[in-house]
Amino acid sequence: MKELRRRGMTPTSLLEEKNKDAVREEIKFREEDGGWGYSRRNGITTGAETNLTGQREKSMALNSEGLEGLIPRGKLLLTLGGTFFLAFWPLILVTVALFLVLYLYFGAEFVHDGRDNPVSPPPYVDPYELLEEERMYKTAPPLN
């Protein structure tokens, strides 16, 4: 009893657990009879039961397939990588259409190519001339 209390269990919690197991079995029997079978009634199936049956064998075969599986797997990966961008075509088309509409509305002001106001580059200053100036080596005056 002390061990059960130390672990946070009481004799009543053990009885509740037995009751839960009985309820689970009853639900299981009702599902088999077609009573509460939400997955059958609503048409929702996860397929977990069928996918897990040969999972170990599938994993072992995948891990030990060797070089004979290299070409098909590489082909599959290249196909997947080559078609990945197709999912972004709607986004690309919307962006191009938006850019085109803005360009047609604003005209040449929307895209500035620099022909209207040519800006000359800043004048070139030799860095060695700046280093030779005396003011570079003067110390700052005291702030007091």
Protein backbone atom coordinates (compact mmCIF):
# COMPACT_ATOMS: atom_id res chain seq x y z
CA MET A 1 0.00 0.00 0.00
CA LYS A 2 2.83 2.40 0.84
CA GLU A 3 4.42 1.75 -2.53
CA LEU A 4 1.13 2.46 -4.30
CA ARG A 5 0.70 5.73 -2.41
CA ARG A 6 4.29 6.72 -3.15
CA ARG A 7 3.62 6.25 -6.85
CA GLY A 8 0.42 8.28 -6.61
CA MET A 9 -1.98 5.35 -6.85
CA THR A 10 -4.82 4.47 -4.54
CA PRO A 11 -6.97 1.35 -4.34
CA THR A 12 -9.84 3.35 -5.86
CA SER A 13 -7.70 4.36 -8.84
CA LEU A 14 -7.02 0.68 -9.49
CA LEU A 15 -10.77 0.01 -9.51
CA GLU A 16 -11.30 2.92 -11.88
CA GLU A 17 -8.71 1.46 -14.21
CA LYS A 18 -10.50 -1.90 -14.22
CA ASN A 19 -13.74 -0.07 -15.07
CA LYS A 20 -12.02 1.77 -17.93
CA ASP A 21 -10.78 -1.53 -19.36
CA ALA A 22 -14.31 -2.95 -19.21
CA VAL A 23 -15.70 0.11 -21.00
CA ARG A 24 -13.01 -0.16 -23.70
CA GLU A 25 -13.89 -3.82 -24.30
CA GLU A 26 -17.57 -2.94 -24.53
CA ILE A 27 -16.85 -0.19 -27.06
CA LYS A 28 -14.71 -2.63 -29.05
CA PHE A 29 -17.54 -5.17 -29.16
CA ARG A 30 -20.04 -2.50 -30.21
CA GLU A 31 -17.76 -1.32 -33.01
CA GLU A 32 -17.46 -4.88 -34.31
CA ASP A 33 -21.25 -5.16 -34.30
CA GLY A 34 -21.57 -1.90 -36.20
CA GLY A 35 -22.80 0.12 -33.24
CA TRP A 36 -20.40 2.98 -32.54
CA GLY A 37 -18.06 2.39 -35.44
CA TYR A 38 -17.29 6.02 -36.25
CA SER A 39 -14.68 5.07 -38.77
CA ARG A 40 -17.10 2.84 -40.67
CA ARG A 41 -20.19 4.98 -40.20
CA ASN A 42 -18.63 8.29 -41.27
CA GLY A 43 -16.37 6.78 -43.88
CA ILE A 44 -13.24 8.04 -42.14
CA THR A 45 -10.43 5.53 -42.09
CA THR A 46 -6.83 6.23 -41.28
CA GLY A 47 -5.49 3.04 -42.77
CA ALA A 48 -3.22 2.64 -39.74
CA GLU A 49 -4.19 -0.99 -39.32
CA THR A 50 -3.24 -1.90 -42.88
CA ASN A 51 -0.09 0.24 -43.00
CA LEU A 52 1.43 -1.19 -39.84
CA THR A 53 1.10 -4.85 -40.71
CA GLY A 54 4.34 -5.20 -42.68
CA GLN A 55 6.17 -2.13 -41.40
CA ARG A 56 9.16 -4.04 -40.02
CA GLU A 57 9.63 -5.99 -43.23
CA LYS A 58 9.32 -2.85 -45.34
CA SER A 59 11.87 -1.02 -43.18
CA MET A 60 14.33 -3.90 -43.27
CA ALA A 61 13.98 -4.23 -47.04
CA LEU A 62 14.53 -0.50 -47.46
CA ASN A 63 17.63 -0.53 -45.24
CA SER A 64 19.21 -3.50 -47.01
CA GLU A 65 18.25 -2.85 -50.61
CA GLY A 66 21.83 -2.19 -51.70
CA LEU A 67 22.83 -0.88 -55.12
CA GLU A 68 19.91 -2.41 -57.00
CA GLY A 69 17.58 0.18 -55.44
CA LEU A 70 19.87 3.12 -56.15
CA ILE A 71 18.67 3.82 -59.70
CA PRO A 72 14.91 3.69 -58.97
CA ARG A 73 15.31 5.75 -55.80
CA GLY A 74 17.50 8.29 -57.62
CA LYS A 75 14.95 8.52 -60.42
CA LEU A 76 12.19 9.08 -57.88
CA LEU A 77 14.17 11.80 -56.10
CA LEU A 78 15.03 13.57 -59.36
CA THR A 79 11.38 13.45 -60.43
CA LEU A 80 10.30 14.85 -57.09
CA GLY A 81 12.95 17.59 -57.18
CA GLY A 82 12.23 18.43 -60.79
CA THR A 83 8.51 18.83 -60.23
CA PHE A 84 8.71 20.58 -56.85
CA PHE A 85 8.56 24.06 -58.39
CA LEU A 86 5.26 23.25 -60.11
CA ALA A 87 3.48 23.78 -56.82
CA PHE A 88 4.60 27.43 -56.89
CA TRP A 89 3.25 28.27 -60.37
CA PRO A 90 0.13 29.99 -58.99
CA LEU A 91 2.28 32.20 -56.78
CA ILE A 92 4.62 32.97 -59.67
CA LEU A 93 1.73 33.83 -61.98
CA VAL A 94 0.08 36.10 -59.40
CA THR A 95 3.38 37.93 -58.81
CA VAL A 96 4.01 38.45 -62.53
CA ALA A 97 0.42 39.60 -63.09
CA LEU A 98 0.65 42.07 -60.18
CA PHE A 99 3.95 43.44 -61.49
CA LEU A 100 2.48 43.81 -64.98
CA VAL A 101 -0.64 45.61 -63.71
CA LEU A 102 1.46 48.02 -61.65
CA TYR A 103 3.75 48.68 -64.61
CA LEU A 104 0.81 49.35 -66.92
CA TYR A 105 -0.79 51.68 -64.35
CA PHE A 106 2.30 53.68 -63.32
CA GLY A 107 4.25 53.40 -66.56
CA ALA A 108 7.97 54.13 -66.63
CA GLU A 109 7.80 55.73 -63.16
CA PHE A 110 7.23 52.32 -61.61
CA VAL A 111 10.50 50.89 -62.90
CA HIS A 112 13.27 53.49 -62.75
CA ASP A 113 16.04 52.65 -65.16
CA GLY A 114 18.12 55.80 -64.54
CA ARG A 115 17.82 57.37 -68.00
CA ASP A 116 15.77 60.37 -66.86
CA ASN A 117 18.10 61.65 -64.14
CA PRO A 118 21.60 60.40 -64.76
CA VAL A 119 23.53 60.54 -61.52
CA SER A 120 27.27 60.82 -61.67
CA PRO A 121 29.31 58.71 -59.31
CA PRO A 122 30.93 60.44 -56.34
CA PRO A 123 34.37 61.89 -56.94
CA TYR A 124 37.28 59.55 -56.40
CA VAL A 125 39.39 60.31 -53.34
CA ASP A 126 42.77 58.68 -53.04
CA PRO A 127 42.96 56.90 -49.68
CA TYR A 128 46.69 57.63 -49.34
CA GLU A 129 46.01 61.38 -49.52
CA LEU A 130 43.61 61.02 -46.61
CA LEU A 131 46.22 59.13 -44.60
CA GLU A 132 48.88 61.83 -45.23
CA GLU A 133 46.76 64.64 -43.80
CA GLU A 134 47.98 66.00 -40.49
CA ARG A 135 44.55 66.13 -38.88
CA MET A 136 44.50 62.34 -38.79
CA TYR A 137 47.23 62.27 -36.18
CA LYS A 138 46.08 65.10 -33.94
CA THR A 139 44.57 64.07 -30.65
CA ALA A 140 41.18 65.32 -29.64
CA PRO A 141 41.18 68.35 -27.33
CA PRO A 142 40.27 67.67 -23.71
CA LEU A 143 36.61 68.04 -22.88
CA ASN A 144 37.16 69.82 -19.52
